[in-house]
Amino acid sequence: MPNAYIAGPLFNEGERWFDEQIEQIAAAAGYSTFLPHRDGTEGKIKSEANIRAIFAEDTAAIDRCDIVIANLNGITTDDGTAWELGYAFAKGKHLVGVYTDWRLQFKFQVVNLMIESSLNKLVRSLDELRDYLQDKA
């Protein structure tokens, strides 16, 4: 079973809920998933004592994955998500961005050009993500 790392902001209930919708779609398409705020073993609350462990755990999960699916919604992409995508790109992972926000950041691109250019696929809805992952499986 292929592995999917679900990247995205997780600082409020709405962000976590949307990341969980992405995870459910990936799981339904046949992926084993890693959702950092759900699957992290270093505790749910970040503290001075566990910051390095969380970093190590998340980078190891990206190393193990076949695909990274990232929630890119918002005026700007979450900085941690941007880092995860850059790291995954350097590792040669398949990258999918999910951007359902109708606000465009730039005239000829949906999100930051470095992020958008690194993606294998940018989808604009959860339905489009579902179709893409089912076709890829």
Protein backbone atom coordinates (compact mmCIF):
# COMPACT_ATOMS: atom_id res chain seq x y z
CA MET A 1 0.00 0.00 0.00
CA PRO A 2 1.50 3.38 -0.93
CA ASN A 3 2.09 5.95 1.82
CA ALA A 4 0.74 9.52 1.80
CA TYR A 5 1.95 12.35 4.03
CA ILE A 6 -0.78 14.93 4.59
CA ALA A 7 0.75 18.39 4.99
CA GLY A 8 -1.04 21.55 6.00
CA PRO A 9 -1.60 24.11 8.68
CA LEU A 10 -3.06 22.70 11.88
CA PHE A 11 -3.41 25.67 14.18
CA ASN A 12 -7.20 25.88 14.38
CA GLU A 13 -10.14 23.52 14.12
CA GLY A 14 -10.95 24.54 10.54
CA GLU A 15 -7.43 23.83 9.31
CA ARG A 16 -7.30 20.45 11.07
CA TRP A 17 -10.77 19.57 9.76
CA PHE A 18 -9.76 20.32 6.17
CA ASP A 19 -6.50 18.34 6.54
CA GLU A 20 -8.62 15.44 7.84
CA GLN A 21 -10.88 15.66 4.75
CA ILE A 22 -7.78 15.33 2.57
CA GLU A 23 -6.63 12.36 4.65
CA GLN A 24 -9.99 10.61 4.29
CA ILE A 25 -9.89 10.99 0.52
CA ALA A 26 -6.34 9.61 0.38
CA ALA A 27 -7.23 6.67 2.62
CA ALA A 28 -10.31 5.89 0.50
CA ALA A 29 -8.07 5.87 -2.59
CA GLY A 30 -5.91 3.16 -1.01
CA TYR A 31 -3.13 5.11 0.68
CA SER A 32 -1.76 4.48 4.14
CA THR A 33 -1.67 7.99 5.60
CA PHE A 34 0.38 10.02 8.07
CA LEU A 35 -1.45 13.05 9.45
CA PRO A 36 0.96 14.83 11.80
CA HIS A 37 -1.55 16.15 14.34
CA ARG A 38 -3.25 12.76 14.55
CA ASP A 39 -0.39 10.30 14.14
CA GLY A 40 2.47 12.05 15.88
CA THR A 41 3.77 10.05 18.83
CA GLU A 42 5.56 12.98 20.44
CA GLY A 43 2.39 14.40 21.92
CA LYS A 44 -0.22 16.74 20.57
CA ILE A 45 1.12 19.90 22.21
CA LYS A 46 4.41 21.32 21.00
CA SER A 47 6.82 22.15 23.81
CA GLU A 48 10.48 23.04 24.24
CA ALA A 49 11.12 19.42 25.22
CA ASN A 50 9.66 17.82 22.07
CA ILE A 51 10.30 20.25 19.19
CA ARG A 52 13.29 18.31 17.80
CA ALA A 53 11.47 14.99 18.19
CA ILE A 54 8.46 16.31 16.26
CA PHE A 55 10.78 17.56 13.50
CA ALA A 56 12.53 14.16 13.31
CA GLU A 57 9.26 12.27 13.30
CA ASP A 58 7.72 14.39 10.54
CA THR A 59 10.81 14.31 8.30
CA ALA A 60 11.02 10.52 8.75
CA ALA A 61 7.35 10.25 7.72
CA ILE A 62 8.08 12.28 4.59
CA ASP A 63 11.06 10.04 3.86
CA ARG A 64 8.78 6.97 4.05
CA CYS A 65 5.98 8.39 1.93
CA ASP A 66 5.34 8.01 -1.77
CA ILE A 67 3.22 11.13 -2.08
CA VAL A 68 2.73 14.38 -0.18
CA ILE A 69 -0.71 15.94 -0.37
CA ALA A 70 -0.66 19.52 0.91
CA ASN A 71 -3.40 21.89 2.01
CA LEU A 72 -2.29 25.19 0.43
CA ASN A 73 -5.38 27.23 1.34
CA GLY A 74 -5.06 30.74 2.71
CA ILE A 75 -3.67 34.08 1.61
CA THR A 76 -0.21 32.56 1.85
CA THR A 77 0.85 28.94 2.20
CA ASP A 78 1.66 27.90 5.76
CA ASP A 79 5.44 28.15 6.24
CA GLY A 80 5.77 24.66 7.74
CA THR A 81 3.81 23.19 4.83
CA ALA A 82 6.04 25.07 2.38
CA TRP A 83 9.12 23.60 4.08
CA GLU A 84 7.65 20.09 3.99
CA LEU A 85 6.96 20.45 0.25
CA GLY A 86 10.49 21.71 -0.42
CA TYR A 87 12.00 18.83 1.55
CA ALA A 88 9.77 16.30 -0.22
CA PHE A 89 10.58 17.82 -3.62
CA ALA A 90 14.31 17.45 -2.91
CA LYS A 91 13.65 13.79 -2.02
CA GLY A 92 11.86 13.20 -5.35
CA LYS A 93 8.39 12.63 -3.86
CA HIS A 94 5.16 13.02 -5.83
CA LEU A 95 3.56 16.30 -4.72
CA VAL A 96 -0.09 17.30 -4.88
CA GLY A 97 -1.36 20.67 -3.74
CA VAL A 98 -4.96 21.34 -2.75
CA TYR A 99 -6.07 24.96 -3.13
CA THR A 100 -9.80 25.58 -2.90
CA ASP A 101 -9.57 29.28 -2.05
CA TRP A 102 -10.98 31.39 -4.91
CA ARG A 103 -8.57 34.26 -4.18
CA LEU A 104 -5.58 34.14 -6.51
CA GLN A 105 -2.25 35.38 -5.25
CA PHE A 106 -0.81 36.28 -8.64
CA LYS A 107 -2.07 36.90 -12.17
CA PHE A 108 -0.48 33.81 -13.78
CA GLN A 109 -0.25 31.45 -10.85
CA VAL A 110 -2.47 30.17 -8.07
CA VAL A 111 0.10 30.04 -5.24
CA ASN A 112 3.76 30.98 -4.83
CA LEU A 113 5.65 30.11 -8.03
CA MET A 114 8.25 27.99 -6.25
CA ILE A 115 5.55 25.89 -4.60
CA GLU A 116 3.34 25.69 -7.66
CA SER A 117 6.23 24.76 -9.96
CA SER A 118 7.33 21.94 -7.64
CA LEU A 119 3.92 20.25 -7.65
CA ASN A 120 3.11 17.28 -9.84
CA LYS A 121 -0.54 18.31 -9.61
CA LEU A 122 -2.54 21.24 -8.24
CA VAL A 123 -6.21 20.53 -7.60
CA ARG A 124 -8.86 23.15 -6.87
CA SER A 125 -11.42 21.04 -4.98
CA LEU A 126 -11.70 17.95 -2.82
CA ASP A 127 -13.68 16.29 -5.62
CA GLU A 128 -10.82 16.95 -8.03
CA LEU A 129 -8.39 15.46 -5.49
CA ARG A 130 -10.59 12.37 -5.16
CA ASP A 131 -10.68 11.91 -8.95
CA TYR A 132 -6.93 12.44 -9.29
CA LEU A 133 -6.01 9.94 -6.57
CA GLN A 134 -8.46 7.33 -7.87
CA ASP A 135 -7.03 7.69 -11.39
CA LYS A 136 -3.49 7.45 -9.99
CA ALA A 137 -4.21 4.30 -7.95
